[in-house]
Amino acid sequence: MPSHPLRAAALAAACLPLLGFTQVIAAPLSLDQAVELAAQRSHLTQAARAGTASAAEMARTAGQLPDPMLTVSIDNLPATGRSRFSPTAEDMTMKRIGMAQEWVSAEKRAAREAVATAQQQRESVMEPVAAAEARMLTAMAYVEAYYAGEGWQLSSLNEQHAREALAAGKGRLASSSGDSGEVLALTSALGAAEDESADQRQQQASAAANLQRWIGTTSDELLEPRWDAVPGQDDFVARHPVALARQRDVEVARQEAQAAQLNRQPNWRYELSFGQRSGRPDLLSFGVSIPLPVAPAARQDRETAARLAMVEKTQADLAEALRAAAGEYAALASDAARLRQRIDRYQTAVLSPLRQRTQTTLAAYRANQASLAMLFEARHAEVEAQRKLLGLQRDLARTQAQLVFKPVVQGAAR
C-alpha cells in the first residue's frame, strides 16, 4: 500500500479547488475528531435543540388557568324613535363592565401539564438522536473519503508502473531488442491507467467535498478509521434512535388518553359584572355557565376511545421499531463477520500469491527470461487485487460505522 506522505500529498492536491476560505487542518484528522466536529456544527442538532426549548416553554404554560375575559357592553339601548342610540334617554339602558373566568379543575390542569411534559421529553430525545445521525453520516463520509484517497493512490501506482514499462519498452525498441507491438500495447495501457487515475481522483475530490460539508474543514491527511468496541445487540436496540423516539411517543399517547378521560367533567365559567344606569340604582350581576354533556357517548367517549387507540398504535410502532432494530443489528453484524472472513481469505488466497508472482516475474525479467509485458501484467494484477481488497475493507468500515455510530450516545437520552 502507498505510504502516508503520498496519500497526504494526493489529498491536498485534490482539495485545492475546494479550499477557498475553508480552514485547512495541517495535522492528520482522525475519525473521532471528524464526528465531534460534525456534532458541534450540525444544524440538525441545533434544530432539535430549538424544538426542545420550544416544548419546554409550552410545558410551563400547560398547567395554568386560561386568561380571564373582560366584557364591556351597553344593554337596552333604544333602537327606534327620537331617542334611538342615546345611552341616557331611557332609564333601562345600562352600561355594563365585567370579568369572566373559565375554571379548569386542578386535575385537568395537572393532566394537561403531564401531556406537555411528555411532549417536552419526546423533543429532548430528538437532540441526541440528531447528534447520532450527524455522527453516523460523518463517519460514512469519512470512510468514503479515506478509501477514495487510498484508491487514488493505487491508481497512481498503476499509472507509474505503466509509465515505467513504456519507458523501458521504448528503450528496448531503440536498441533494436524490443517489439513495436509491445510498445503500442504499453502505450494503450498507459492511457487507460491515466484515465482510471483521473476517475479515481474525481471520486476522491467528491468524497472530500462531502466530508467537508459535515466537518467544515479539510485535512491534509486522514488517518485510517479505527473503531471502539462494537455494541452488543441489546445495547444497540435500546439506544437505537427510532426505538427511543417511539418510546416517547407511547408516553405522550398515554398522557393524552388520561387527559381525554377527564373531558367528561365540563369546565365551568364564572362571570361578575357591574351595570350603571341613569336615574336608577346601579346593578351587580354574578353568573355561572355550566356546559351540559348531553351526549357523552357521541363526543367525549369517542375522543377517549380515539386516544386509547392511539396508545395501542404507538405501542405497536414501538414493538415494530424494536424488532426492526434487532434485525438491522443482526444484518450488520453478519455482514461484518462475513466481510472479515472474505478479507482474510482474499489476502491469503489471492493477494499473497499475486505478490509472489510479481517478485518472481521481476526476477525473471531481470534475467531476460520474462517479457516486459509479462512484468507489467503481473504488477497490474497485483494492484487490481489490492483495489479489490480495498473495496472489501471499505465495505467493512461502512458496516462498522453503522454499528458504532447509529445508536444514541450513552446517557444522552436522559
Protein backbone atom coordinates (compact mmCIF):
# COMPACT_ATOMS: atom_id res chain seq x y z
CA MET A 1 0.00 0.00 0.00
CA PRO A 2 1.22 3.57 -0.60
CA SER A 3 2.85 5.44 2.21
CA HIS A 4 1.00 8.06 4.28
CA PRO A 5 3.06 11.00 2.90
CA LEU A 6 1.93 10.09 -0.62
CA ARG A 7 -1.69 9.91 0.49
CA ALA A 8 -1.37 13.27 2.25
CA ALA A 9 0.01 14.91 -0.88
CA ALA A 10 -2.73 13.37 -3.00
CA LEU A 11 -5.49 14.52 -0.66
CA ALA A 12 -4.12 18.05 -0.51
CA ALA A 13 -3.94 18.26 -4.30
CA ALA A 14 -7.49 17.01 -4.70
CA CYS A 15 -8.85 19.52 -2.22
CA LEU A 16 -7.15 22.57 -3.78
CA PRO A 17 -10.20 23.57 -5.86
CA LEU A 18 -12.36 23.32 -2.75
CA LEU A 19 -10.28 25.31 -0.32
CA GLY A 20 -11.22 28.96 -0.90
CA PHE A 21 -11.69 30.40 2.57
CA THR A 22 -12.14 26.99 4.18
CA GLN A 23 -9.90 26.25 7.13
CA VAL A 24 -7.34 23.53 6.45
CA ILE A 25 -6.22 21.19 9.24
CA ALA A 26 -2.50 20.56 8.85
CA ALA A 27 -2.35 17.71 11.37
CA PRO A 28 -3.78 14.31 10.46
CA LEU A 29 -7.53 14.12 11.08
CA SER A 30 -8.91 11.09 12.88
CA LEU A 31 -12.40 9.64 12.63
CA ASP A 32 -13.24 10.59 16.23
CA GLN A 33 -12.19 14.20 15.62
CA ALA A 34 -14.31 14.36 12.47
CA VAL A 35 -17.50 13.11 14.13
CA GLU A 36 -17.09 15.50 17.04
CA LEU A 37 -16.61 18.44 14.68
CA ALA A 38 -19.76 17.41 12.85
CA ALA A 39 -21.78 17.07 16.06
CA GLN A 40 -20.73 20.56 17.18
CA ARG A 41 -21.70 22.31 13.94
CA SER A 42 -24.66 20.19 12.83
CA HIS A 43 -27.80 22.17 12.01
CA LEU A 44 -29.78 19.00 12.72
CA THR A 45 -28.68 19.24 16.35
CA GLN A 46 -29.39 22.96 16.50
CA ALA A 47 -32.90 22.45 15.14
CA ALA A 48 -33.58 19.69 17.66
CA ARG A 49 -32.27 21.87 20.48
CA ALA A 50 -34.61 24.68 19.44
CA GLY A 51 -37.51 22.21 19.35
CA THR A 52 -36.67 21.13 22.90
CA ALA A 53 -36.61 24.74 24.10
CA SER A 54 -39.97 25.39 22.44
CA ALA A 55 -41.55 22.34 24.08
CA ALA A 56 -40.14 23.36 27.47
CA GLU A 57 -41.75 26.80 27.20
CA MET A 58 -45.09 25.23 26.26
CA ALA A 59 -44.87 22.86 29.22
CA ARG A 60 -44.57 25.80 31.61
CA THR A 61 -47.92 27.23 30.47
CA ALA A 62 -49.90 23.98 30.16
CA GLY A 63 -50.93 23.80 33.82
CA GLN A 64 -52.18 27.37 34.13
CA LEU A 65 -55.77 28.65 34.06
CA PRO A 66 -56.97 30.34 30.85
CA ASP A 67 -56.71 34.10 30.77
CA PRO A 68 -59.76 35.95 32.21
CA MET A 69 -62.03 37.81 29.80
CA LEU A 70 -63.05 41.45 30.13
CA THR A 71 -66.60 42.18 28.94
CA VAL A 72 -67.84 45.69 28.12
CA SER A 73 -71.37 46.28 26.82
CA ILE A 74 -74.40 48.57 26.68
CA ASP A 75 -77.71 46.85 27.40
CA ASN A 76 -81.21 48.01 26.37
CA LEU A 77 -80.04 50.78 24.09
CA PRO A 78 -83.02 52.39 22.21
CA ALA A 79 -83.09 51.33 18.60
CA THR A 80 -86.06 53.36 17.27
CA GLY A 81 -87.80 56.67 17.94
CA ARG A 82 -86.39 60.10 18.61
CA SER A 83 -84.01 58.83 21.30
CA ARG A 84 -82.60 55.93 19.33
CA PHE A 85 -78.98 55.14 20.09
CA SER A 86 -78.98 57.56 23.04
CA PRO A 87 -77.38 55.98 26.14
CA THR A 88 -79.16 58.41 28.53
CA ALA A 89 -82.69 58.67 27.13
CA GLU A 90 -84.05 55.51 28.74
CA ASP A 91 -83.66 54.53 32.38
CA MET A 92 -83.49 50.86 31.30
CA THR A 93 -80.29 51.50 29.37
CA MET A 94 -77.33 50.15 31.31
CA LYS A 95 -73.61 50.36 30.78
CA ARG A 96 -72.04 47.12 31.89
CA ILE A 97 -68.47 46.02 32.56
CA GLY A 98 -67.47 42.65 33.89
CA MET A 99 -64.92 39.86 34.16
CA ALA A 100 -65.35 36.22 33.13
CA GLN A 101 -63.14 33.29 34.02
CA GLU A 102 -63.25 29.73 32.77
CA TRP A 103 -62.35 27.41 35.63
CA VAL A 104 -60.33 24.32 34.78
CA SER A 105 -60.04 21.85 37.63
CA ALA A 106 -56.66 21.17 39.19
CA GLU A 107 -56.89 17.56 38.00
CA LYS A 108 -57.40 18.66 34.41
CA ARG A 109 -54.58 21.19 34.60
CA ALA A 110 -52.27 18.52 36.01
CA ALA A 111 -53.22 16.19 33.17
CA ARG A 112 -52.52 18.88 30.56
CA GLU A 113 -49.19 19.63 32.21
CA ALA A 114 -48.34 15.92 32.11
CA VAL A 115 -49.08 15.84 28.36
CA ALA A 116 -46.89 18.89 27.76
CA THR A 117 -44.10 17.38 29.88
CA ALA A 118 -44.26 14.14 27.89
CA GLN A 119 -44.05 16.14 24.66
CA GLN A 120 -41.07 18.03 26.03
CA GLN A 121 -39.35 14.75 26.89
CA ARG A 122 -40.03 13.50 23.37
CA GLU A 123 -38.44 16.62 21.92
CA SER A 124 -35.50 16.30 24.31
CA VAL A 125 -34.71 12.93 22.74
CA MET A 126 -34.51 14.49 19.29
CA GLU A 127 -31.30 16.38 20.08
CA PRO A 128 -29.16 13.29 20.86
CA VAL A 129 -30.90 11.47 18.02
CA ALA A 130 -29.92 14.27 15.63
CA ALA A 131 -26.37 14.24 17.01
CA ALA A 132 -26.17 10.48 16.46
CA GLU A 133 -27.38 10.89 12.89
CA ALA A 134 -24.80 13.61 12.23
CA ARG A 135 -22.04 11.42 13.68
CA MET A 136 -23.05 8.41 11.61
CA LEU A 137 -23.33 10.35 8.35
CA THR A 138 -19.97 11.97 9.04
CA ALA A 139 -18.40 8.60 9.77
CA MET A 140 -19.76 7.26 6.47
CA ALA A 141 -18.41 10.32 4.63
CA TYR A 142 -15.04 9.90 6.37
CA VAL A 143 -14.84 6.25 5.34
CA GLU A 144 -15.64 7.15 1.73
CA ALA A 145 -13.06 9.95 1.70
CA TYR A 146 -10.33 7.80 3.25
CA TYR A 147 -10.79 4.82 0.96
CA ALA A 148 -11.26 7.05 -2.09
CA GLY A 149 -7.84 8.51 -1.30
CA GLU A 150 -6.38 5.03 -0.94
CA GLY A 151 -7.96 4.00 -4.23
CA TRP A 152 -6.46 7.03 -5.94
CA GLN A 153 -3.04 6.06 -4.66
CA LEU A 154 -3.41 2.56 -6.09
CA SER A 155 -4.47 4.02 -9.44
CA SER A 156 -1.47 6.36 -9.35
CA LEU A 157 0.75 3.38 -8.59
CA ASN A 158 -0.68 1.52 -11.57
CA GLU A 159 -0.08 4.58 -13.74
CA GLN A 160 3.50 4.75 -12.51
CA HIS A 161 4.05 1.10 -13.42
CA ALA A 162 2.65 1.77 -16.90
CA ARG A 163 4.99 4.72 -17.40
CA GLU A 164 7.99 2.72 -16.26
CA ALA A 165 7.06 -0.17 -18.54
CA LEU A 166 6.54 2.12 -21.53
CA ALA A 167 9.85 3.88 -20.95
CA ALA A 168 11.63 0.54 -20.73
CA GLY A 169 9.84 -0.70 -23.86
CA LYS A 170 10.85 2.40 -25.83
CA GLY A 171 14.44 1.93 -24.67
CA ARG A 172 14.47 -1.66 -25.81
CA LEU A 173 12.91 -0.68 -29.13
CA ALA A 174 15.57 1.96 -29.68
CA SER A 175 18.26 -0.66 -29.08
CA SER A 176 16.58 -2.97 -31.60
CA SER A 177 15.87 -5.57 -28.92
CA GLY A 178 12.26 -4.55 -28.39
CA ASP A 179 8.97 -5.07 -30.17
CA SER A 180 6.89 -2.24 -31.63
CA GLY A 181 3.69 -4.16 -30.89
CA GLU A 182 4.71 -4.39 -27.26
CA VAL A 183 5.34 -0.64 -27.15
CA LEU A 184 1.93 0.08 -28.66
CA ALA A 185 0.25 -2.19 -26.15
CA LEU A 186 2.07 -0.45 -23.29
CA THR A 187 1.11 2.96 -24.70
CA SER A 188 -2.55 1.93 -24.67
CA ALA A 189 -2.15 0.57 -21.15
CA LEU A 190 -0.70 3.89 -20.01
CA GLY A 191 -3.64 5.79 -21.49
CA ALA A 192 -6.10 3.50 -19.73
CA ALA A 193 -4.17 3.88 -16.46
CA GLU A 194 -4.18 7.68 -16.76
CA ASP A 195 -7.94 7.72 -17.37
CA GLU A 196 -8.51 5.38 -14.45
CA SER A 197 -6.36 7.59 -12.22
CA ALA A 198 -8.32 10.68 -13.30
CA ASP A 199 -11.58 8.90 -12.48
CA GLN A 200 -10.31 7.92 -9.04
CA ARG A 201 -9.13 11.46 -8.42
CA GLN A 202 -12.59 12.75 -9.30
CA GLN A 203 -14.17 10.30 -6.86
CA GLN A 204 -11.69 11.30 -4.16
CA ALA A 205 -12.41 15.01 -4.64
CA SER A 206 -16.16 14.37 -4.45
CA ALA A 207 -15.76 12.33 -1.26
CA ALA A 208 -13.55 15.04 0.26
CA ALA A 209 -16.17 17.68 -0.55
CA ASN A 210 -18.89 15.58 1.09
CA LEU A 211 -16.79 15.20 4.23
CA GLN A 212 -16.10 18.93 4.25
CA ARG A 213 -19.84 19.54 4.23
CA TRP A 214 -20.11 17.85 7.62
CA ILE A 215 -16.94 18.99 9.39
CA GLY A 216 -16.50 22.40 7.75
CA THR A 217 -12.76 21.89 7.17
CA THR A 218 -10.34 19.97 5.01
CA SER A 219 -7.35 17.98 6.17
CA ASP A 220 -4.01 17.21 4.58
CA GLU A 221 -4.27 13.62 5.78
CA LEU A 222 -6.97 11.27 7.02
CA LEU A 223 -5.98 8.58 9.46
CA GLU A 224 -7.22 5.06 8.92
CA PRO A 225 -10.63 4.61 10.57
CA ARG A 226 -10.43 2.81 13.87
CA TRP A 227 -13.38 1.70 15.95
CA ASP A 228 -14.24 1.44 19.59
CA ALA A 229 -15.87 -1.72 20.85
CA VAL A 230 -18.93 -2.54 18.78
CA PRO A 231 -22.10 -2.55 20.96
CA GLY A 232 -23.99 -5.76 21.61
CA GLN A 233 -27.43 -6.36 20.22
CA ASP A 234 -29.31 -5.39 23.41
CA ASP A 235 -27.36 -2.15 23.73
CA PHE A 236 -27.77 -1.37 20.03
CA VAL A 237 -31.54 -1.91 20.16
CA ALA A 238 -32.00 0.01 23.42
CA ARG A 239 -30.15 3.05 22.05
CA HIS A 240 -31.50 2.89 18.51
CA PRO A 241 -32.80 6.35 17.51
CA VAL A 242 -36.15 5.10 16.19
CA ALA A 243 -36.75 2.94 19.27
CA LEU A 244 -36.04 5.88 21.60
CA ALA A 245 -38.41 8.13 19.66
CA ARG A 246 -41.16 5.51 19.68
CA GLN A 247 -40.84 5.05 23.44
CA ARG A 248 -41.50 8.77 23.92
CA ASP A 249 -44.45 8.58 21.52
CA VAL A 250 -46.01 5.91 23.71
CA GLU A 251 -45.69 8.07 26.81
CA VAL A 252 -47.22 11.07 25.05
CA ALA A 253 -50.16 8.97 23.84
CA ARG A 254 -50.76 7.61 27.35
CA GLN A 255 -50.84 11.06 28.89
CA GLU A 256 -53.17 12.36 26.16
CA ALA A 257 -55.52 9.43 26.79
CA GLN A 258 -55.61 10.19 30.52
CA ALA A 259 -56.32 13.86 29.79
CA ALA A 260 -59.11 12.92 27.36
CA GLN A 261 -60.85 10.83 30.02
CA LEU A 262 -61.30 13.99 32.12
CA ASN A 263 -63.25 15.76 29.38
CA ARG A 264 -66.44 14.23 30.80
CA GLN A 265 -66.08 16.84 33.53
CA PRO A 266 -67.02 20.18 31.85
CA ASN A 267 -65.24 23.43 32.63
CA TRP A 268 -67.43 25.94 34.48
CA ARG A 269 -67.37 29.61 33.62
CA TYR A 270 -67.84 32.33 36.25
CA GLU A 271 -68.78 35.91 35.39
CA LEU A 272 -69.07 39.02 37.55
CA SER A 273 -70.30 42.32 36.08
CA PHE A 274 -71.23 45.82 37.19
CA GLY A 275 -74.07 47.74 35.47
CA GLN A 276 -74.54 51.52 35.59
CA ARG A 277 -77.93 53.15 34.85
CA SER A 278 -79.06 56.77 34.61
CA GLY A 279 -81.51 57.76 37.36
CA ARG A 280 -81.73 54.25 38.73
CA PRO A 281 -79.64 52.17 41.12
CA ASP A 282 -76.54 50.50 39.71
CA LEU A 283 -76.59 46.70 39.43
CA LEU A 284 -74.16 43.93 40.27
CA SER A 285 -74.53 40.59 38.47
CA PHE A 286 -72.95 37.19 39.05
CA GLY A 287 -73.43 34.14 36.84
CA VAL A 288 -72.15 30.62 36.29
CA SER A 289 -72.16 28.87 32.90
CA ILE A 290 -72.13 25.08 33.09
CA PRO A 291 -71.76 23.08 29.83
CA LEU A 292 -74.14 20.15 29.66
CA PRO A 293 -72.63 16.97 28.15
CA VAL A 294 -75.91 15.79 26.70
CA ALA A 295 -74.33 13.07 24.53
CA PRO A 296 -71.03 11.94 26.11
CA ALA A 297 -71.15 8.64 24.26
CA ALA A 298 -71.10 10.51 20.93
CA ARG A 299 -68.46 13.08 21.90
CA GLN A 300 -66.31 12.69 24.98
CA ASP A 301 -66.29 8.89 24.96
CA ARG A 302 -65.32 8.81 21.30
CA GLU A 303 -62.43 11.16 21.92
CA THR A 304 -61.26 8.95 24.78
CA ALA A 305 -61.57 5.85 22.57
CA ALA A 306 -59.56 7.58 19.86
CA ARG A 307 -56.77 8.42 22.32
CA LEU A 308 -56.72 4.87 23.67
CA ALA A 309 -56.47 3.55 20.12
CA MET A 310 -53.53 5.89 19.59
CA VAL A 311 -51.86 4.32 22.63
CA GLU A 312 -52.23 0.91 21.02
CA LYS A 313 -50.84 2.27 17.76
CA THR A 314 -47.76 3.76 19.38
CA GLN A 315 -47.14 0.56 21.34
CA ALA A 316 -47.34 -1.44 18.10
CA ASP A 317 -44.99 1.06 16.43
CA LEU A 318 -42.55 0.64 19.33
CA ALA A 319 -42.65 -3.13 19.09
CA GLU A 320 -42.04 -2.95 15.35
CA ALA A 321 -39.19 -0.46 15.85
CA LEU A 322 -37.52 -2.77 18.38
CA ARG A 323 -37.91 -5.71 16.02
CA ALA A 324 -36.52 -3.70 13.10
CA ALA A 325 -33.56 -2.52 15.19
CA ALA A 326 -32.77 -6.11 16.21
CA GLY A 327 -32.99 -7.18 12.57
CA GLU A 328 -30.77 -4.30 11.49
CA TYR A 329 -28.15 -5.25 14.06
CA ALA A 330 -28.25 -8.91 13.03
CA ALA A 331 -27.79 -7.99 9.36
CA LEU A 332 -24.93 -5.56 10.06
CA ALA A 333 -23.17 -7.96 12.44
CA SER A 334 -23.50 -10.77 9.91
CA ASP A 335 -22.15 -8.58 7.12
CA ALA A 336 -19.21 -7.51 9.27
CA ALA A 337 -18.31 -11.10 10.18
CA ARG A 338 -18.53 -12.28 6.56
CA LEU A 339 -16.51 -9.33 5.30
CA ARG A 340 -13.75 -10.09 7.81
CA GLN A 341 -13.69 -13.68 6.58
CA ARG A 342 -13.56 -12.58 2.96
CA ILE A 343 -10.75 -10.11 3.69
CA ASP A 344 -8.65 -12.75 5.46
CA ARG A 345 -9.29 -15.30 2.73
CA TYR A 346 -8.59 -12.80 -0.06
CA GLN A 347 -5.30 -11.72 1.49
CA THR A 348 -4.16 -15.31 1.86
CA ALA A 349 -5.57 -16.92 -1.27
CA VAL A 350 -5.37 -14.08 -3.81
CA LEU A 351 -3.14 -11.17 -2.86
CA SER A 352 -0.25 -13.10 -1.35
CA PRO A 353 0.21 -15.37 -4.43
CA LEU A 354 0.00 -12.36 -6.74
CA ARG A 355 2.75 -10.60 -4.77
CA GLN A 356 4.92 -13.68 -5.05
CA ARG A 357 4.14 -13.82 -8.77
CA THR A 358 5.24 -10.20 -9.20
CA GLN A 359 8.52 -10.86 -7.40
CA THR A 360 9.13 -14.00 -9.46
CA THR A 361 8.32 -12.25 -12.74
CA LEU A 362 10.56 -9.30 -11.82
CA ALA A 363 13.45 -11.66 -11.14
CA ALA A 364 12.80 -13.47 -14.42
CA TYR A 365 12.65 -10.16 -16.31
CA ARG A 366 15.98 -9.08 -14.88
CA ALA A 367 17.39 -12.41 -16.02
CA ASN A 368 15.90 -11.87 -19.54
CA GLN A 369 13.59 -14.85 -19.01
CA ALA A 370 10.32 -12.85 -18.98
CA SER A 371 8.99 -10.12 -21.24
CA LEU A 372 8.23 -6.58 -20.24
CA ALA A 373 4.54 -7.20 -20.92
CA MET A 374 4.57 -10.14 -18.52
CA LEU A 375 6.08 -7.96 -15.79
CA PHE A 376 3.54 -5.19 -16.35
CA GLU A 377 0.67 -7.68 -16.37
CA ALA A 378 1.87 -9.18 -13.07
CA ARG A 379 2.16 -5.74 -11.45
CA HIS A 380 -1.23 -4.70 -12.83
CA ALA A 381 -2.90 -7.86 -11.49
CA GLU A 382 -1.42 -7.23 -8.03
CA VAL A 383 -2.66 -3.64 -7.99
CA GLU A 384 -6.13 -4.73 -9.12
CA ALA A 385 -6.18 -7.29 -6.31
CA GLN A 386 -5.20 -4.56 -3.85
CA ARG A 387 -8.07 -2.46 -5.15
CA LYS A 388 -10.50 -5.34 -4.68
CA LEU A 389 -9.20 -5.82 -1.14
CA LEU A 390 -9.58 -2.07 -0.55
CA GLY A 391 -13.22 -2.30 -1.61
CA LEU A 392 -13.85 -5.10 0.88
CA GLN A 393 -12.15 -3.09 3.63
CA ARG A 394 -14.28 -0.07 2.75
CA ASP A 395 -17.47 -2.14 2.93
CA LEU A 396 -16.41 -3.47 6.33
CA ALA A 397 -15.66 0.05 7.55
CA ARG A 398 -19.07 1.28 6.39
CA THR A 399 -20.75 -1.58 8.24
CA GLN A 400 -18.77 -0.91 11.41
CA ALA A 401 -19.59 2.80 11.19
CA GLN A 402 -23.30 1.98 11.28
CA LEU A 403 -22.87 -0.42 14.20
CA VAL A 404 -20.85 2.06 16.24
CA PHE A 405 -22.47 5.41 15.41
CA LYS A 406 -26.12 4.54 14.72
CA PRO A 407 -27.05 4.22 18.44
CA VAL A 408 -27.53 7.35 20.51
CA VAL A 409 -24.56 8.20 22.72
CA GLN A 410 -24.96 6.57 26.14
CA GLY A 411 -26.65 8.88 28.63
CA ALA A 412 -27.72 11.45 26.03
CA ALA A 413 -31.34 10.44 26.14
CA ARG A 414 -31.88 11.03 29.82
